Amino acid sequence: MAGKPGCCGAPLGNKNALGNNGGRPHTDLSKIATQMIDWVKNEDSINLNGFCGKYFYNPKMILHWSKHNLEFCDVYETVKAILADRREKLLCQNKLHQKAYAIHCSVYDQFQRDEKLAILEFEAKLKSNEQQSFKQDDIERLEAILFQMRNRQEACKEAKRTYKDNQDRQDTRSIDDNMNNSEETS
């Protein structure tokens, strides 16, 4: 019967699936957290990619676990704080390039990240307020332009009426003049 699916989707006779109730085996996050703590104690550890590479962990999974497991998140954030301190010291000793530090500073340094977020939120509020005031200014300008257009349309209509009236008067005069000239000639 080997190869036929069982009740949980695992093939019958699969000795690796015994006792696991089907599905993937669960990851031991406490083991990974311990590995991370041991790894960060090494002074050569300066970024989490080094940890992921050493232990063959997908960085996306590390981020996922840090978002969904409180105990792992605590270790993860503490390790990042240690790395932030270490990276800043290396920068001061000219052992870490300034650009390498600057690019990843907000990743490791929670204080920098919070400051940066606060500045971005403040700038977003300013921009929003500017856009709202610009919107009001734009509305006022649009209303002024529409007012001018209405006045010009009225002036054009009045000019057309005046022109038509003048044309009618001239036509009437020329008819009268023609009639007068024809009476005189007769």
N, C-alpha and C. Protein backbone atom coordinates (compact mmCIF):
# COMPACT_ATOMS: atom_id res chain seq x y z
N MET A 1 0.81 -1.19 0.00
CA MET A 1 0.00 0.00 0.00
C MET A 1 0.86 1.26 0.00
N ALA A 2 2.13 1.17 -0.08
CA ALA A 2 2.98 2.35 -0.07
C ALA A 2 2.67 3.20 -1.28
N GLY A 3 2.67 4.52 -1.09
CA GLY A 3 2.44 5.44 -2.19
C GLY A 3 1.02 5.94 -2.26
N LYS A 4 0.07 5.26 -1.59
CA LYS A 4 -1.31 5.74 -1.59
C LYS A 4 -1.48 6.74 -0.45
N PRO A 5 -2.25 7.79 -0.71
CA PRO A 5 -2.40 8.79 0.34
C PRO A 5 -3.18 8.25 1.52
N GLY A 6 -2.79 8.70 2.71
CA GLY A 6 -3.51 8.39 3.94
C GLY A 6 -4.53 9.48 4.22
N CYS A 7 -5.04 9.51 5.43
CA CYS A 7 -6.09 10.47 5.77
C CYS A 7 -5.58 11.90 5.77
N CYS A 8 -4.31 12.13 6.04
CA CYS A 8 -3.78 13.49 6.16
C CYS A 8 -2.99 13.90 4.94
N GLY A 9 -2.99 13.17 3.91
CA GLY A 9 -2.30 13.55 2.69
C GLY A 9 -0.90 12.97 2.59
N ALA A 10 -0.34 12.41 3.67
CA ALA A 10 0.99 11.82 3.61
C ALA A 10 0.86 10.40 3.07
N PRO A 11 1.79 9.96 2.24
CA PRO A 11 1.71 8.60 1.72
C PRO A 11 1.77 7.58 2.85
N LEU A 12 0.98 6.50 2.73
CA LEU A 12 1.01 5.45 3.73
C LEU A 12 2.38 4.78 3.72
N GLY A 13 2.85 4.47 4.88
CA GLY A 13 4.15 3.80 4.98
C GLY A 13 5.32 4.78 5.02
N ASN A 14 5.06 6.10 4.99
CA ASN A 14 6.14 7.09 5.07
C ASN A 14 6.58 7.20 6.52
N LYS A 15 7.69 6.62 6.82
CA LYS A 15 8.18 6.60 8.20
C LYS A 15 8.57 7.99 8.69
N ASN A 16 8.91 8.93 7.78
CA ASN A 16 9.27 10.29 8.18
C ASN A 16 8.06 11.10 8.63
N ALA A 17 6.87 10.68 8.21
CA ALA A 17 5.66 11.42 8.55
C ALA A 17 4.97 10.89 9.80
N LEU A 18 5.51 9.82 10.40
CA LEU A 18 4.87 9.24 11.58
C LEU A 18 4.87 10.23 12.74
N GLY A 19 3.72 10.38 13.37
CA GLY A 19 3.61 11.22 14.55
C GLY A 19 3.55 12.70 14.28
N ASN A 20 3.55 13.10 13.03
CA ASN A 20 3.54 14.54 12.77
C ASN A 20 2.17 15.03 12.32
N ASN A 21 1.18 14.15 12.26
CA ASN A 21 -0.19 14.49 11.89
C ASN A 21 -0.27 15.16 10.52
N GLY A 22 0.63 14.87 9.65
CA GLY A 22 0.61 15.43 8.30
C GLY A 22 1.20 16.83 8.26
N GLY A 23 1.52 17.28 7.07
CA GLY A 23 2.06 18.63 6.90
C GLY A 23 3.54 18.70 7.21
N ARG A 24 4.07 19.90 7.11
CA ARG A 24 5.48 20.12 7.38
C ARG A 24 5.76 20.03 8.87
N PRO A 25 6.96 19.60 9.21
CA PRO A 25 7.32 19.65 10.62
C PRO A 25 7.48 21.11 11.06
N HIS A 26 7.13 21.39 12.28
CA HIS A 26 7.22 22.76 12.78
C HIS A 26 8.67 23.13 13.04
N THR A 27 8.98 24.39 12.80
CA THR A 27 10.33 24.90 13.01
C THR A 27 10.50 25.21 14.49
N ASP A 28 11.63 24.82 15.03
CA ASP A 28 11.93 25.08 16.44
C ASP A 28 12.53 26.48 16.54
N LEU A 29 11.67 27.46 16.81
CA LEU A 29 12.13 28.85 16.86
C LEU A 29 13.03 29.12 18.05
N SER A 30 12.86 28.37 19.13
CA SER A 30 13.75 28.58 20.28
C SER A 30 15.19 28.17 19.91
N LYS A 31 15.31 27.13 19.09
CA LYS A 31 16.64 26.69 18.63
C LYS A 31 17.26 27.78 17.74
N ILE A 32 16.45 28.33 16.83
CA ILE A 32 16.96 29.39 15.94
C ILE A 32 17.32 30.63 16.74
N ALA A 33 16.50 30.96 17.73
CA ALA A 33 16.80 32.13 18.57
C ALA A 33 18.11 31.93 19.33
N THR A 34 18.33 30.72 19.83
CA THR A 34 19.59 30.42 20.53
C THR A 34 20.77 30.52 19.56
N GLN A 35 20.59 30.00 18.35
CA GLN A 35 21.65 30.11 17.33
C GLN A 35 21.96 31.59 17.06
N MET A 36 20.90 32.40 16.98
CA MET A 36 21.08 33.82 16.68
C MET A 36 21.85 34.51 17.82
N ILE A 37 21.50 34.17 19.06
CA ILE A 37 22.20 34.77 20.21
C ILE A 37 23.67 34.36 20.21
N ASP A 38 23.94 33.07 19.97
CA ASP A 38 25.34 32.60 19.92
C ASP A 38 26.09 33.26 18.78
N TRP A 39 25.43 33.40 17.65
CA TRP A 39 26.07 34.01 16.47
C TRP A 39 26.44 35.47 16.71
N VAL A 40 25.54 36.24 17.35
CA VAL A 40 25.78 37.67 17.53
C VAL A 40 26.90 37.94 18.54
N LYS A 41 27.24 36.94 19.37
CA LYS A 41 28.33 37.12 20.34
C LYS A 41 29.67 37.23 19.64
N ASN A 42 29.77 36.72 18.42
CA ASN A 42 31.00 36.80 17.63
C ASN A 42 31.15 38.23 17.13
N GLU A 43 32.27 38.87 17.38
CA GLU A 43 32.50 40.26 17.00
C GLU A 43 32.50 40.48 15.48
N ASP A 44 32.67 39.41 14.70
CA ASP A 44 32.65 39.53 13.24
C ASP A 44 31.23 39.60 12.69
N SER A 45 30.24 39.35 13.52
CA SER A 45 28.85 39.37 13.07
C SER A 45 28.38 40.83 12.98
N ILE A 46 28.10 41.26 11.73
CA ILE A 46 27.69 42.66 11.57
C ILE A 46 26.37 42.84 10.83
N ASN A 47 25.82 41.76 10.26
CA ASN A 47 24.48 41.88 9.68
C ASN A 47 23.78 40.53 9.67
N LEU A 48 22.48 40.57 9.64
CA LEU A 48 21.68 39.35 9.74
C LEU A 48 21.79 38.46 8.51
N ASN A 49 22.22 39.00 7.39
CA ASN A 49 22.44 38.15 6.22
C ASN A 49 23.54 37.14 6.50
N GLY A 50 24.52 37.55 7.30
CA GLY A 50 25.58 36.61 7.68
C GLY A 50 25.03 35.44 8.48
N PHE A 51 24.10 35.73 9.37
CA PHE A 51 23.45 34.67 10.15
C PHE A 51 22.66 33.75 9.24
N CYS A 52 21.87 34.33 8.34
CA CYS A 52 21.05 33.52 7.43
C CYS A 52 21.94 32.65 6.54
N GLY A 53 23.04 33.21 6.08
CA GLY A 53 23.95 32.45 5.23
C GLY A 53 24.64 31.33 5.98
N LYS A 54 25.04 31.59 7.22
CA LYS A 54 25.75 30.57 8.01
C LYS A 54 24.85 29.37 8.32
N TYR A 55 23.59 29.65 8.65
CA TYR A 55 22.69 28.57 9.06
C TYR A 55 21.67 28.19 7.97
N PHE A 56 21.80 28.77 6.81
CA PHE A 56 20.93 28.47 5.67
C PHE A 56 19.45 28.74 5.96
N TYR A 57 19.18 29.91 6.53
CA TYR A 57 17.80 30.33 6.75
C TYR A 57 17.42 31.36 5.70
N ASN A 58 16.22 31.26 5.24
CA ASN A 58 15.69 32.26 4.30
C ASN A 58 15.41 33.55 5.09
N PRO A 59 15.98 34.68 4.67
CA PRO A 59 15.73 35.93 5.39
C PRO A 59 14.24 36.27 5.51
N LYS A 60 13.46 35.90 4.49
CA LYS A 60 12.02 36.17 4.57
C LYS A 60 11.38 35.40 5.71
N MET A 61 11.87 34.19 5.97
CA MET A 61 11.32 33.40 7.07
C MET A 61 11.70 34.02 8.42
N ILE A 62 12.92 34.53 8.53
CA ILE A 62 13.34 35.20 9.77
C ILE A 62 12.40 36.38 10.03
N LEU A 63 12.12 37.17 9.00
CA LEU A 63 11.19 38.30 9.16
C LEU A 63 9.79 37.82 9.51
N HIS A 64 9.36 36.77 8.85
CA HIS A 64 8.03 36.21 9.13
C HIS A 64 7.93 35.76 10.59
N TRP A 65 8.91 35.02 11.06
CA TRP A 65 8.89 34.53 12.45
C TRP A 65 8.94 35.70 13.43
N SER A 66 9.69 36.75 13.07
CA SER A 66 9.79 37.90 13.99
C SER A 66 8.46 38.65 14.10
N LYS A 67 7.64 38.55 13.07
CA LYS A 67 6.34 39.22 13.10
C LYS A 67 5.26 38.38 13.76
N HIS A 68 5.44 37.05 13.78
CA HIS A 68 4.37 36.17 14.23
C HIS A 68 4.67 35.41 15.53
N ASN A 69 5.84 35.61 16.11
CA ASN A 69 6.18 34.91 17.34
C ASN A 69 6.84 35.91 18.29
N LEU A 70 6.18 36.18 19.39
CA LEU A 70 6.63 37.23 20.32
C LEU A 70 8.00 36.93 20.91
N GLU A 71 8.24 35.69 21.32
CA GLU A 71 9.54 35.35 21.92
C GLU A 71 10.66 35.51 20.89
N PHE A 72 10.42 35.03 19.69
CA PHE A 72 11.42 35.16 18.64
C PHE A 72 11.64 36.64 18.30
N CYS A 73 10.57 37.41 18.29
CA CYS A 73 10.66 38.84 17.99
C CYS A 73 11.56 39.55 19.01
N ASP A 74 11.43 39.19 20.28
CA ASP A 74 12.27 39.80 21.31
C ASP A 74 13.75 39.53 21.05
N VAL A 75 14.08 38.29 20.74
CA VAL A 75 15.47 37.94 20.44
C VAL A 75 15.94 38.66 19.19
N TYR A 76 15.11 38.64 18.18
CA TYR A 76 15.44 39.28 16.89
C TYR A 76 15.74 40.78 17.09
N GLU A 77 14.87 41.49 17.80
CA GLU A 77 15.08 42.93 18.01
C GLU A 77 16.31 43.19 18.87
N THR A 78 16.57 42.34 19.86
CA THR A 78 17.76 42.50 20.70
C THR A 78 19.03 42.29 19.88
N VAL A 79 19.02 41.27 19.04
CA VAL A 79 20.18 41.01 18.17
C VAL A 79 20.40 42.20 17.23
N LYS A 80 19.31 42.76 16.69
CA LYS A 80 19.46 43.93 15.81
C LYS A 80 20.04 45.11 16.57
N ALA A 81 19.66 45.28 17.83
CA ALA A 81 20.21 46.38 18.63
C ALA A 81 21.71 46.19 18.86
N ILE A 82 22.12 44.95 19.14
CA ILE A 82 23.55 44.66 19.32
C ILE A 82 24.30 44.94 18.03
N LEU A 83 23.72 44.52 16.90
CA LEU A 83 24.35 44.77 15.60
C LEU A 83 24.43 46.27 15.30
N ALA A 84 23.41 47.02 15.65
CA ALA A 84 23.41 48.47 15.42
C ALA A 84 24.55 49.12 16.19
N ASP A 85 24.72 48.73 17.44
CA ASP A 85 25.80 49.27 18.27
C ASP A 85 27.16 48.89 17.69
N ARG A 86 27.30 47.65 17.30
CA ARG A 86 28.56 47.16 16.74
C ARG A 86 28.89 47.90 15.43
N ARG A 87 27.89 48.06 14.59
CA ARG A 87 28.10 48.73 13.30
C ARG A 87 28.49 50.19 13.50
N GLU A 88 27.87 50.84 14.47
CA GLU A 88 28.22 52.25 14.73
C GLU A 88 29.66 52.36 15.23
N LYS A 89 30.08 51.44 16.10
CA LYS A 89 31.46 51.44 16.59
C LYS A 89 32.44 51.20 15.45
N LEU A 90 32.10 50.26 14.56
CA LEU A 90 32.96 50.00 13.40
C LEU A 90 33.06 51.22 12.50
N LEU A 91 31.96 51.93 12.36
CA LEU A 91 31.97 53.16 11.56
C LEU A 91 32.91 54.18 12.18
N CYS A 92 32.84 54.36 13.50
CA CYS A 92 33.69 55.33 14.18
C CYS A 92 35.17 54.94 14.10
N GLN A 93 35.44 53.66 13.99
CA GLN A 93 36.82 53.19 13.87
C GLN A 93 37.28 53.10 12.42
N ASN A 94 36.46 53.62 11.50
CA ASN A 94 36.73 53.54 10.06
C ASN A 94 36.90 52.11 9.56
N LYS A 95 36.21 51.17 10.16
CA LYS A 95 36.26 49.78 9.72
C LYS A 95 35.00 49.40 8.95
N LEU A 96 34.05 50.32 8.88
CA LEU A 96 32.83 50.11 8.11
C LEU A 96 32.61 51.37 7.28
N HIS A 97 32.40 51.18 6.00
CA HIS A 97 32.20 52.33 5.11
C HIS A 97 30.92 53.07 5.49
N GLN A 98 30.99 54.39 5.36
CA GLN A 98 29.86 55.24 5.76
C GLN A 98 28.59 54.91 4.98
N LYS A 99 28.73 54.63 3.70
CA LYS A 99 27.54 54.29 2.90
C LYS A 99 26.94 52.96 3.34
N ALA A 100 27.79 51.99 3.64
CA ALA A 100 27.29 50.69 4.11
C ALA A 100 26.54 50.87 5.43
N TYR A 101 27.04 51.76 6.25
CA TYR A 101 26.35 52.04 7.52
C TYR A 101 25.03 52.77 7.27
N ALA A 102 25.09 53.80 6.44
CA ALA A 102 23.90 54.64 6.22
C ALA A 102 22.76 53.87 5.57
N ILE A 103 23.09 53.01 4.63
CA ILE A 103 22.05 52.26 3.91
C ILE A 103 21.26 51.37 4.87
N HIS A 104 21.95 50.75 5.81
CA HIS A 104 21.30 49.77 6.69
C HIS A 104 21.04 50.28 8.10
N CYS A 105 21.34 51.53 8.35
CA CYS A 105 21.21 52.08 9.70
C CYS A 105 19.80 51.90 10.25
N SER A 106 18.80 52.24 9.47
CA SER A 106 17.43 52.17 9.98
C SER A 106 16.93 50.73 10.09
N VAL A 107 17.65 49.79 9.48
CA VAL A 107 17.26 48.37 9.61
C VAL A 107 17.62 47.87 11.01
N TYR A 108 18.80 48.24 11.48
CA TYR A 108 19.30 47.69 12.74
C TYR A 108 19.01 48.60 13.93
N ASP A 109 19.03 49.89 13.72
CA ASP A 109 18.91 50.84 14.84
C ASP A 109 17.45 51.26 15.01
N GLN A 110 16.80 50.73 16.05
CA GLN A 110 15.38 51.03 16.30
C GLN A 110 15.16 52.52 16.55
N PHE A 111 16.10 53.17 17.23
CA PHE A 111 15.95 54.59 17.51
C PHE A 111 15.99 55.41 16.22
N GLN A 112 16.93 55.07 15.35
CA GLN A 112 17.01 55.75 14.06
C GLN A 112 15.74 55.51 13.25
N ARG A 113 15.26 54.27 13.27
CA ARG A 113 14.06 53.93 12.51
C ARG A 113 12.86 54.73 13.02
N ASP A 114 12.72 54.82 14.35
CA ASP A 114 11.60 55.57 14.92
C ASP A 114 11.70 57.05 14.58
N GLU A 115 12.92 57.59 14.64
CA GLU A 115 13.12 58.99 14.27
C GLU A 115 12.78 59.23 12.81
N LYS A 116 13.24 58.33 11.96
CA LYS A 116 12.99 58.45 10.53
C LYS A 116 11.49 58.38 10.23
N LEU A 117 10.80 57.44 10.90
CA LEU A 117 9.35 57.32 10.72
C LEU A 117 8.63 58.58 11.20
N ALA A 118 9.06 59.12 12.33
CA ALA A 118 8.44 60.34 12.85
C ALA A 118 8.63 61.50 11.87
N ILE A 119 9.82 61.61 11.31
CA ILE A 119 10.09 62.67 10.33
C ILE A 119 9.23 62.47 9.08
N LEU A 120 9.16 61.22 8.60
CA LEU A 120 8.35 60.94 7.41
C LEU A 120 6.87 61.23 7.66
N GLU A 121 6.38 60.87 8.84
CA GLU A 121 4.98 61.15 9.17
C GLU A 121 4.73 62.65 9.23
N PHE A 122 5.68 63.38 9.83
CA PHE A 122 5.56 64.84 9.91
C PHE A 122 5.55 65.45 8.51
N GLU A 123 6.48 65.00 7.66
CA GLU A 123 6.54 65.52 6.29
C GLU A 123 5.27 65.17 5.51
N ALA A 124 4.72 63.99 5.75
CA ALA A 124 3.49 63.60 5.07
C ALA A 124 2.33 64.50 5.51
N LYS A 125 2.28 64.83 6.80
CA LYS A 125 1.23 65.74 7.29
C LYS A 125 1.39 67.12 6.66
N LEU A 126 2.64 67.59 6.60
CA LEU A 126 2.89 68.89 5.97
C LEU A 126 2.44 68.88 4.52
N LYS A 127 2.80 67.82 3.82
CA LYS A 127 2.44 67.71 2.41
C LYS A 127 0.92 67.67 2.24
N SER A 128 0.27 66.92 3.13
CA SER A 128 -1.19 66.84 3.08
C SER A 128 -1.81 68.21 3.33
N ASN A 129 -1.28 68.92 4.32
CA ASN A 129 -1.79 70.27 4.61
C ASN A 129 -1.54 71.21 3.44
N GLU A 130 -0.35 71.09 2.83
CA GLU A 130 -0.04 71.91 1.66
C GLU A 130 -1.00 71.62 0.53
N GLN A 131 -1.25 70.33 0.30
CA GLN A 131 -2.16 69.96 -0.79
C GLN A 131 -3.55 70.48 -0.51
N GLN A 132 -3.99 70.43 0.75
CA GLN A 132 -5.31 70.94 1.07
C GLN A 132 -5.36 72.44 0.87
N SER A 133 -4.30 73.16 1.29
CA SER A 133 -4.30 74.61 1.09
C SER A 133 -4.18 74.92 -0.40
N PHE A 134 -3.37 74.12 -1.13
CA PHE A 134 -3.30 74.32 -2.56
C PHE A 134 -4.65 74.07 -3.20
N LYS A 135 -5.34 73.08 -2.71
CA LYS A 135 -6.66 72.79 -3.26
C LYS A 135 -7.57 74.00 -3.07
N GLN A 136 -7.53 74.61 -1.88
CA GLN A 136 -8.36 75.79 -1.63
C GLN A 136 -7.93 76.94 -2.52
N ASP A 137 -6.62 77.14 -2.65
CA ASP A 137 -6.11 78.19 -3.55
C ASP A 137 -6.54 77.91 -4.98
N ASP A 138 -6.43 76.64 -5.39
CA ASP A 138 -6.84 76.27 -6.75
C ASP A 138 -8.31 76.54 -6.98
N ILE A 139 -9.12 76.23 -5.98
CA ILE A 139 -10.56 76.48 -6.10
C ILE A 139 -10.83 77.96 -6.27
N GLU A 140 -10.16 78.77 -5.46
CA GLU A 140 -10.35 80.22 -5.56
C GLU A 140 -9.90 80.74 -6.92
N ARG A 141 -8.75 80.24 -7.40
CA ARG A 141 -8.27 80.67 -8.72
C ARG A 141 -9.24 80.24 -9.82
N LEU A 142 -9.74 79.02 -9.72
CA LEU A 142 -10.68 78.51 -10.70
C LEU A 142 -11.96 79.34 -10.71
N GLU A 143 -12.44 79.67 -9.52
CA GLU A 143 -13.64 80.50 -9.44
C GLU A 143 -13.39 81.88 -10.07
N ALA A 144 -12.21 82.45 -9.85
CA ALA A 144 -11.88 83.75 -10.44
C ALA A 144 -11.82 83.65 -11.97
N ILE A 145 -11.23 82.56 -12.46
CA ILE A 145 -11.15 82.36 -13.91
C ILE A 145 -12.55 82.19 -14.50
N LEU A 146 -13.38 81.38 -13.83
CA LEU A 146 -14.75 81.19 -14.31
C LEU A 146 -15.53 82.51 -14.30
N PHE A 147 -15.32 83.32 -13.28
CA PHE A 147 -15.97 84.63 -13.21
C PHE A 147 -15.55 85.50 -14.39
N GLN A 148 -14.23 85.51 -14.67
CA GLN A 148 -13.72 86.27 -15.80
C GLN A 148 -14.30 85.76 -17.11
N MET A 149 -14.38 84.43 -17.23
CA MET A 149 -14.93 83.86 -18.47
C MET A 149 -16.40 84.25 -18.64
N ARG A 150 -17.17 84.21 -17.54
CA ARG A 150 -18.58 84.60 -17.64
C ARG A 150 -18.70 86.07 -18.05
N ASN A 151 -17.87 86.91 -17.44
CA ASN A 151 -17.90 88.34 -17.79
C ASN A 151 -17.54 88.55 -19.26
N ARG A 152 -16.53 87.81 -19.74
CA ARG A 152 -16.14 87.95 -21.15
C ARG A 152 -17.23 87.44 -22.07
N GLN A 153 -17.89 86.34 -21.67
CA GLN A 153 -18.99 85.82 -22.49
C GLN A 153 -20.11 86.85 -22.57
N GLU A 154 -20.44 87.46 -21.43
CA GLU A 154 -21.49 88.49 -21.41
C GLU A 154 -21.06 89.69 -22.27
N ALA A 155 -19.77 90.06 -22.15
CA ALA A 155 -19.28 91.18 -22.95
C ALA A 155 -19.34 90.84 -24.44
N CYS A 156 -18.99 89.60 -24.79
CA CYS A 156 -19.07 89.17 -26.20
C CYS A 156 -20.51 89.20 -26.69
N LYS A 157 -21.44 88.71 -25.86
CA LYS A 157 -22.85 88.73 -26.25
C LYS A 157 -23.32 90.17 -26.45
N GLU A 158 -22.92 91.04 -25.54
CA GLU A 158 -23.31 92.45 -25.64
C GLU A 158 -22.70 93.08 -26.89
N ALA A 159 -21.43 92.73 -27.17
CA ALA A 159 -20.78 93.26 -28.37
C ALA A 159 -21.48 92.77 -29.62
N LYS A 160 -21.89 91.50 -29.63
CA LYS A 160 -22.62 90.97 -30.79
C LYS A 160 -23.95 91.69 -30.96
N ARG A 161 -24.66 91.92 -29.83
CA ARG A 161 -25.94 92.63 -29.91
C ARG A 161 -25.73 94.05 -30.45
N THR A 162 -24.71 94.70 -29.92
CA THR A 162 -24.41 96.07 -30.36
C THR A 162 -24.05 96.07 -31.83
N TYR A 163 -23.21 95.12 -32.24
CA TYR A 163 -22.81 95.03 -33.64
C TYR A 163 -24.03 94.77 -34.52
N LYS A 164 -24.88 93.85 -34.09
CA LYS A 164 -26.08 93.53 -34.86
C LYS A 164 -27.00 94.74 -34.94
N ASP A 165 -27.16 95.43 -33.80
CA ASP A 165 -27.99 96.64 -33.80
C ASP A 165 -27.41 97.67 -34.75
N ASN A 166 -26.11 97.86 -34.70
CA ASN A 166 -25.46 98.82 -35.61
C ASN A 166 -25.63 98.39 -37.06
N GLN A 167 -25.49 97.09 -37.32
CA GLN A 167 -25.69 96.58 -38.68
C GLN A 167 -27.12 96.83 -39.13
N ASP A 168 -28.06 96.56 -38.22
CA ASP A 168 -29.47 96.79 -38.57
C ASP A 168 -29.71 98.26 -38.86
N ARG A 169 -29.11 99.14 -38.05
CA ARG A 169 -29.27 100.58 -38.27
C ARG A 169 -28.66 100.99 -39.60
N GLN A 170 -27.47 100.45 -39.87
CA GLN A 170 -26.83 100.78 -41.14
C GLN A 170 -27.65 100.26 -42.31
N ASP A 171 -28.17 99.04 -42.15
CA ASP A 171 -29.00 98.48 -43.21
C ASP A 171 -30.25 99.34 -43.41
N THR A 172 -30.84 99.78 -42.30
CA THR A 172 -32.04 100.63 -42.38
C THR A 172 -31.68 101.95 -43.04
N ARG A 173 -30.54 102.52 -42.67
CA ARG A 173 -30.11 103.79 -43.27
C ARG A 173 -29.84 103.61 -44.76
N SER A 174 -29.18 102.54 -45.12
CA SER A 174 -28.87 102.35 -46.54
C SER A 174 -30.16 102.12 -47.33
N ILE A 175 -31.12 101.43 -46.70
CA ILE A 175 -32.40 101.25 -47.38
C ILE A 175 -33.08 102.60 -47.53
N ASP A 176 -33.06 103.39 -46.43
CA ASP A 176 -33.66 104.74 -46.49
C ASP A 176 -32.94 105.60 -47.52
N ASP A 177 -31.63 105.53 -47.52
CA ASP A 177 -30.85 106.32 -48.48
C ASP A 177 -31.17 105.87 -49.90
N ASN A 178 -31.25 104.57 -50.11
CA ASN A 178 -31.61 104.07 -51.44
C ASN A 178 -32.98 104.53 -51.85
N MET A 179 -33.90 104.50 -50.90
CA MET A 179 -35.26 104.94 -51.22
C MET A 179 -35.27 106.46 -51.52
N ASN A 180 -34.51 107.18 -50.73
CA ASN A 180 -34.44 108.62 -50.96
C ASN A 180 -33.82 108.90 -52.29
N ASN A 181 -32.77 108.20 -52.64
CA ASN A 181 -32.11 108.40 -53.91
C ASN A 181 -33.03 108.00 -55.07
N SER A 182 -33.78 106.96 -54.89
CA SER A 182 -34.68 106.54 -55.97
C SER A 182 -35.84 107.53 -56.11
N GLU A 183 -36.28 108.16 -55.01
CA GLU A 183 -37.35 109.15 -55.10
C GLU A 183 -36.85 110.40 -55.79
N GLU A 184 -35.61 110.74 -55.50
CA GLU A 184 -35.05 111.94 -56.10
C GLU A 184 -34.84 111.76 -57.59
N THR A 185 -34.48 110.60 -58.00
CA THR A 185 -34.25 110.36 -59.39
C THR A 185 -35.57 110.23 -60.16
N SER A 186 -36.63 109.96 -59.49
CA SER A 186 -37.86 109.83 -60.22
C SER A 186 -38.50 111.12 -60.36
